Amino acid sequence: MTFSIKSCLAAMTGSLLSAATFQVAHAQQAASSASQSYVNAPLTTSQVMAPKAAMSDHACGIFKTCSSTKIGFGKGDFIVRLSALGVLPQDMDSKVWLANKPISGHISTTNQVMPELTFMYFLTDNLSVDLIAASTRHEVAAQGTPLGKIDVGSAWVLPPTITFAWHFRPHKRFNPYIGVGGTLAWFHNMSPAGGVVQKLNVGFTGGPSVNAGFDYQLVGNWFFNFDVKQIFMRMHAWANDNGSPTFIKAHNALNPTLVAAGIEYRF
């Protein structure tokens, strides 16, 4: 009887172990099958396209227009512009004195082309403030005097100009604008012509300005700019020492017209 009970217990234990082993093996096989089905399952369209789109945006360089590229300008934009600048003095309303006596004649100032650097910041979507910096060299002469043409000399002028511009189509590729501002002109590196003129001095001056132009978005954050400014300012120049018979004094309404075309980048 004892042997029979032990045999029964052993048989039951073996059956339980066999059942547990079968369940574990079955669970492992199901997990393996599910994992294999997941690996072999086809990707959906969104799963395939999303990485490509992300990769495309990431690969978009500074000379490309991305889906995230903003069209036009807007509040908070900061722009740096490099232009070719033509400075065209108008030389209006000239007056010349020789030994403190008024004489006939007028002042002529040469045109010049130089690079121009502009910094622009948008205070609102439509209103920007621009700071323009350039330095140009000009030859100055007195024409039609009793002594004929007098070569006065040359001078460099640094006329920083600040302008407030109103942009009509800030969120479009083509964006015309108009502006008003002011200019301060500092003359430096003056060189007298020699001969009659041994010394040369040109006074500090300035005046109001108006301008108009447009921006056009080329690609990405790159824009083309064309701008025309009219500056109203006078030039006061002296040659030689006061009291000498060749002391020359001249007042001249320079009123330069500035024409610029260049490339700008928005940060």
Protein backbone atom coordinates (compact mmCIF):
# COMPACT_ATOMS: atom_id res chain seq x y z
CA MET A 1 0.00 0.00 0.00
CA THR A 2 2.81 2.34 0.85
CA PHE A 3 4.48 1.63 -2.46
CA SER A 4 1.29 2.48 -4.33
CA ILE A 5 0.90 5.88 -2.65
CA LYS A 6 4.51 6.81 -3.43
CA SER A 7 4.05 5.72 -7.01
CA CYS A 8 0.94 7.83 -7.36
CA LEU A 9 2.65 10.88 -5.89
CA ALA A 10 5.60 10.48 -8.26
CA ALA A 11 3.29 10.13 -11.23
CA MET A 12 1.34 13.26 -10.26
CA THR A 13 4.53 15.27 -9.75
CA GLY A 14 5.82 14.20 -13.15
CA SER A 15 2.54 15.19 -14.79
CA LEU A 16 2.64 18.65 -13.19
CA LEU A 17 6.24 19.21 -14.26
CA SER A 18 5.44 18.11 -17.80
CA ALA A 19 2.46 20.49 -17.96
CA ALA A 20 4.55 23.42 -16.65
CA THR A 21 7.32 22.67 -19.13
CA PHE A 22 4.81 22.55 -21.98
CA GLN A 23 3.29 25.90 -20.97
CA VAL A 24 6.71 27.61 -20.78
CA ALA A 25 7.73 26.24 -24.17
CA HIS A 26 4.41 27.31 -25.66
CA ALA A 27 4.81 30.86 -24.25
CA GLN A 28 8.36 31.12 -25.65
CA GLN A 29 7.18 29.95 -29.07
CA ALA A 30 4.32 32.50 -29.06
CA ALA A 31 6.67 35.33 -28.10
CA SER A 32 9.14 34.36 -30.80
CA SER A 33 6.35 34.22 -33.38
CA ALA A 34 5.00 37.64 -32.35
CA SER A 35 8.48 39.15 -32.51
CA GLN A 36 9.08 37.67 -35.95
CA SER A 37 5.69 38.96 -37.14
CA TYR A 38 6.55 42.47 -35.88
CA VAL A 39 9.89 42.45 -37.67
CA ASN A 40 8.41 41.28 -40.93
CA ALA A 41 5.34 43.56 -40.79
CA PRO A 42 5.27 46.15 -43.63
CA LEU A 43 5.79 49.83 -42.65
CA THR A 44 2.90 52.24 -43.09
CA THR A 45 3.15 55.28 -45.38
CA SER A 46 3.52 57.65 -42.43
CA GLN A 47 6.31 55.50 -40.98
CA VAL A 48 8.19 55.57 -44.26
CA MET A 49 7.65 59.26 -45.10
CA ALA A 50 8.27 60.79 -41.67
CA PRO A 51 12.01 59.97 -41.50
CA LYS A 52 12.48 61.16 -45.09
CA ALA A 53 10.76 64.45 -44.36
CA ALA A 54 12.85 64.95 -41.24
CA MET A 55 15.98 64.08 -43.17
CA SER A 56 14.99 66.50 -45.96
CA ASP A 57 14.49 69.42 -43.53
CA HIS A 58 17.77 68.61 -41.82
CA ALA A 59 19.66 68.46 -45.11
CA CYS A 60 18.26 71.79 -46.38
CA GLY A 61 21.23 74.18 -46.65
CA ILE A 62 21.46 77.96 -46.48
CA PHE A 63 21.02 78.19 -50.25
CA LYS A 64 17.75 76.23 -50.31
CA THR A 65 14.14 77.08 -49.54
CA CYS A 66 12.76 74.64 -46.96
CA SER A 67 9.18 73.95 -45.93
CA SER A 68 9.96 75.85 -42.72
CA THR A 69 11.46 78.90 -44.48
CA LYS A 70 9.54 82.09 -43.74
CA ILE A 71 8.45 84.10 -46.75
CA GLY A 72 9.24 87.80 -46.55
CA PHE A 73 10.16 89.76 -43.43
CA GLY A 74 8.51 90.19 -40.05
CA LYS A 75 8.89 91.52 -36.52
CA GLY A 76 12.20 90.58 -34.91
CA ASP A 77 14.07 89.84 -38.16
CA PHE A 78 17.70 91.01 -38.30
CA ILE A 79 19.22 91.52 -41.76
CA VAL A 80 22.76 92.25 -42.92
CA ARG A 81 23.17 93.68 -46.41
CA LEU A 82 26.25 94.20 -48.61
CA SER A 83 25.71 96.52 -51.58
CA ALA A 84 27.51 98.32 -54.35
CA LEU A 85 26.86 102.00 -53.64
CA GLY A 86 27.01 104.86 -56.11
CA VAL A 87 27.34 108.34 -54.56
CA LEU A 88 26.28 111.13 -56.93
CA PRO A 89 26.75 114.65 -55.45
CA GLN A 90 24.37 117.19 -56.94
CA ASP A 91 26.54 120.31 -56.13
CA MET A 92 23.64 122.75 -55.95
CA ASP A 93 23.82 126.37 -54.83
CA SER A 94 27.60 126.80 -54.60
CA LYS A 95 29.28 129.96 -53.29
CA VAL A 96 33.01 130.72 -53.43
CA TRP A 97 35.11 133.42 -51.70
CA LEU A 98 38.71 134.38 -52.48
CA ALA A 99 40.50 136.34 -49.74
CA ASN A 100 37.07 136.77 -48.10
CA LYS A 101 35.59 138.39 -51.20
CA PRO A 102 32.81 136.63 -53.12
CA ILE A 103 33.78 135.60 -56.63
CA SER A 104 32.05 133.84 -59.49
CA GLY A 105 32.35 130.07 -59.68
CA HIS A 106 30.88 126.92 -58.29
CA ILE A 107 32.06 123.74 -56.60
CA SER A 108 32.13 120.39 -58.39
CA THR A 109 32.53 117.06 -56.58
CA THR A 110 33.24 113.77 -58.33
CA ASN A 111 30.99 110.73 -58.24
CA GLN A 112 32.18 107.56 -56.52
CA VAL A 113 31.30 103.86 -56.24
CA MET A 114 32.13 101.95 -53.06
CA PRO A 115 30.83 99.01 -50.96
CA GLU A 116 28.09 99.73 -48.46
CA LEU A 117 27.19 97.76 -45.31
CA THR A 118 23.66 97.94 -43.90
CA PHE A 119 22.17 96.55 -40.70
CA MET A 120 18.38 96.32 -40.57
CA TYR A 121 16.05 95.32 -37.74
CA PHE A 122 12.27 94.97 -37.91
CA LEU A 123 10.55 96.68 -34.97
CA THR A 124 7.16 95.50 -36.29
CA ASP A 125 6.08 93.55 -39.35
CA ASN A 126 5.99 96.80 -41.35
CA LEU A 127 8.49 99.12 -39.64
CA SER A 128 12.26 98.64 -39.78
CA VAL A 129 15.21 100.69 -38.63
CA ASP A 130 18.29 100.69 -40.89
CA LEU A 131 21.86 101.77 -40.20
CA ILE A 132 23.95 102.40 -43.30
CA ALA A 133 27.73 102.71 -43.24
CA ALA A 134 30.09 103.48 -46.13
CA SER A 135 33.08 105.69 -46.79
CA THR A 136 33.81 107.28 -50.18
CA ARG A 137 36.60 109.44 -51.58
CA HIS A 138 35.78 112.51 -53.68
CA GLU A 139 37.79 115.04 -55.66
CA VAL A 140 36.73 118.67 -55.16
CA ALA A 141 37.35 121.58 -57.54
CA ALA A 142 36.21 125.18 -57.94
CA GLN A 143 34.98 125.77 -61.48
CA GLY A 144 34.50 129.07 -63.36
CA THR A 145 36.49 131.30 -60.98
CA PRO A 146 38.52 134.37 -62.07
CA LEU A 147 41.55 132.06 -61.72
CA GLY A 148 39.88 129.40 -63.88
CA LYS A 149 39.50 125.91 -62.52
CA ILE A 150 41.08 125.44 -59.10
CA ASP A 151 41.77 121.89 -57.99
CA VAL A 152 41.01 121.97 -54.29
CA GLY A 153 41.97 118.42 -53.39
CA SER A 154 40.31 115.25 -52.18
CA ALA A 155 38.60 114.03 -49.02
CA TRP A 156 37.04 110.88 -47.67
CA VAL A 157 33.56 111.17 -46.22
CA LEU A 158 31.95 108.82 -43.71
CA PRO A 159 28.19 109.49 -43.69
CA PRO A 160 26.45 107.07 -41.29
CA THR A 161 22.73 107.22 -42.04
CA ILE A 162 19.86 105.95 -39.94
CA THR A 163 16.51 105.38 -41.65
CA PHE A 164 13.06 104.28 -40.56
CA ALA A 165 11.36 102.44 -43.42
CA TRP A 166 7.75 101.37 -43.92
CA HIS A 167 7.37 98.04 -45.75
CA PHE A 168 4.13 97.59 -47.68
CA ARG A 169 4.21 93.79 -48.23
CA PRO A 170 6.33 92.36 -45.39
CA HIS A 171 5.17 88.74 -45.79
CA LYS A 172 5.65 88.57 -49.56
CA ARG A 173 8.67 87.81 -51.71
CA PHE A 174 8.47 91.24 -53.36
CA ASN A 175 8.37 93.96 -50.70
CA PRO A 176 8.57 97.68 -51.64
CA TYR A 177 9.23 100.33 -48.98
CA ILE A 178 9.76 104.04 -48.36
CA GLY A 179 11.72 105.66 -45.55
CA VAL A 180 12.90 108.84 -43.86
CA GLY A 181 16.00 109.42 -41.78
CA GLY A 182 19.04 111.52 -41.13
CA THR A 183 22.74 111.62 -42.01
CA LEU A 184 25.86 112.87 -40.23
CA ALA A 185 28.87 113.34 -42.51
CA TRP A 186 32.42 113.35 -41.21
CA PHE A 187 35.21 114.26 -43.66
CA HIS A 188 38.60 112.67 -43.05
CA ASN A 189 41.96 111.98 -44.77
CA MET A 190 41.85 115.30 -46.62
CA SER A 191 44.58 115.89 -49.21
CA PRO A 192 45.18 119.39 -50.66
CA ALA A 193 45.78 119.50 -54.39
CA GLY A 194 48.97 121.54 -54.10
CA GLY A 195 49.83 124.62 -56.15
CA VAL A 196 47.35 127.30 -55.11
CA VAL A 197 45.86 125.04 -52.42
CA GLN A 198 48.33 124.10 -49.68
CA LYS A 199 45.93 123.33 -46.85
CA LEU A 200 42.43 121.89 -46.90
CA ASN A 201 39.76 121.57 -44.26
CA VAL A 202 36.15 120.41 -44.63
CA GLY A 203 33.65 120.89 -41.83
CA PHE A 204 31.42 118.32 -40.14
CA THR A 205 27.90 118.38 -41.58
CA GLY A 206 24.65 116.46 -41.92
CA GLY A 207 21.01 116.62 -42.93
CA PRO A 208 17.73 114.76 -43.50
CA SER A 209 17.26 111.97 -46.00
CA VAL A 210 14.46 110.14 -47.81
CA ASN A 211 14.63 106.83 -49.61
CA ALA A 212 12.64 104.22 -51.50
CA GLY A 213 13.40 100.71 -52.66
CA PHE A 214 12.38 97.07 -52.58
CA ASP A 215 13.48 93.67 -51.32
CA TYR A 216 12.99 90.42 -53.23
CA GLN A 217 13.43 86.98 -51.65
CA LEU A 218 15.69 84.88 -53.87
CA VAL A 219 16.08 81.58 -52.02
CA GLY A 220 15.99 80.59 -48.36
CA ASN A 221 16.95 83.60 -46.24
CA TRP A 222 18.74 85.39 -49.11
CA PHE A 223 17.24 88.58 -50.56
CA PHE A 224 18.06 91.08 -53.32
CA ASN A 225 17.77 94.78 -52.47
CA PHE A 226 17.60 97.92 -54.58
CA ASP A 227 17.56 101.30 -52.84
CA VAL A 228 17.70 104.99 -53.77
CA LYS A 229 18.36 107.70 -51.18
CA GLN A 230 18.34 111.45 -51.44
CA ILE A 231 20.37 113.21 -48.74
CA PHE A 232 20.13 116.96 -48.15
CA MET A 233 23.32 118.44 -46.71
CA ARG A 234 25.79 121.25 -47.31
CA MET A 235 29.58 121.15 -47.41
CA HIS A 236 31.77 123.91 -45.93
CA ALA A 237 35.41 123.90 -47.07
CA TRP A 238 38.44 126.12 -46.46
CA ALA A 239 41.75 126.16 -48.33
CA ASN A 240 44.96 127.80 -47.06
CA ASP A 241 45.28 130.13 -44.03
CA ASN A 242 42.79 132.89 -43.39
CA GLY A 243 44.33 136.25 -44.26
CA SER A 244 46.46 134.97 -47.12
CA PRO A 245 45.71 136.25 -50.66
CA THR A 246 44.88 132.68 -51.72
CA PHE A 247 42.50 131.94 -48.86
CA ILE A 248 39.52 130.15 -50.44
CA LYS A 249 36.22 129.49 -48.72
CA ALA A 250 33.36 127.58 -50.28
CA HIS A 251 29.83 126.53 -49.36
CA ASN A 252 28.22 123.86 -51.45
CA ALA A 253 24.90 122.03 -51.27
CA LEU A 254 26.18 118.53 -51.92
CA ASN A 255 22.72 116.90 -51.73
CA PRO A 256 24.09 113.52 -52.83
CA THR A 257 21.90 110.90 -54.46
CA LEU A 258 22.78 107.38 -53.32
CA VAL A 259 21.95 104.40 -55.54
CA ALA A 260 22.61 100.92 -54.14
CA ALA A 261 22.02 97.31 -55.18
CA GLY A 262 23.07 94.33 -53.13
CA ILE A 263 22.49 90.99 -51.44
CA GLU A 264 21.17 90.60 -47.91
CA TYR A 265 20.80 87.73 -45.46
CA ARG A 266 18.18 87.34 -42.73
CA PHE A 267 19.27 85.88 -39.40
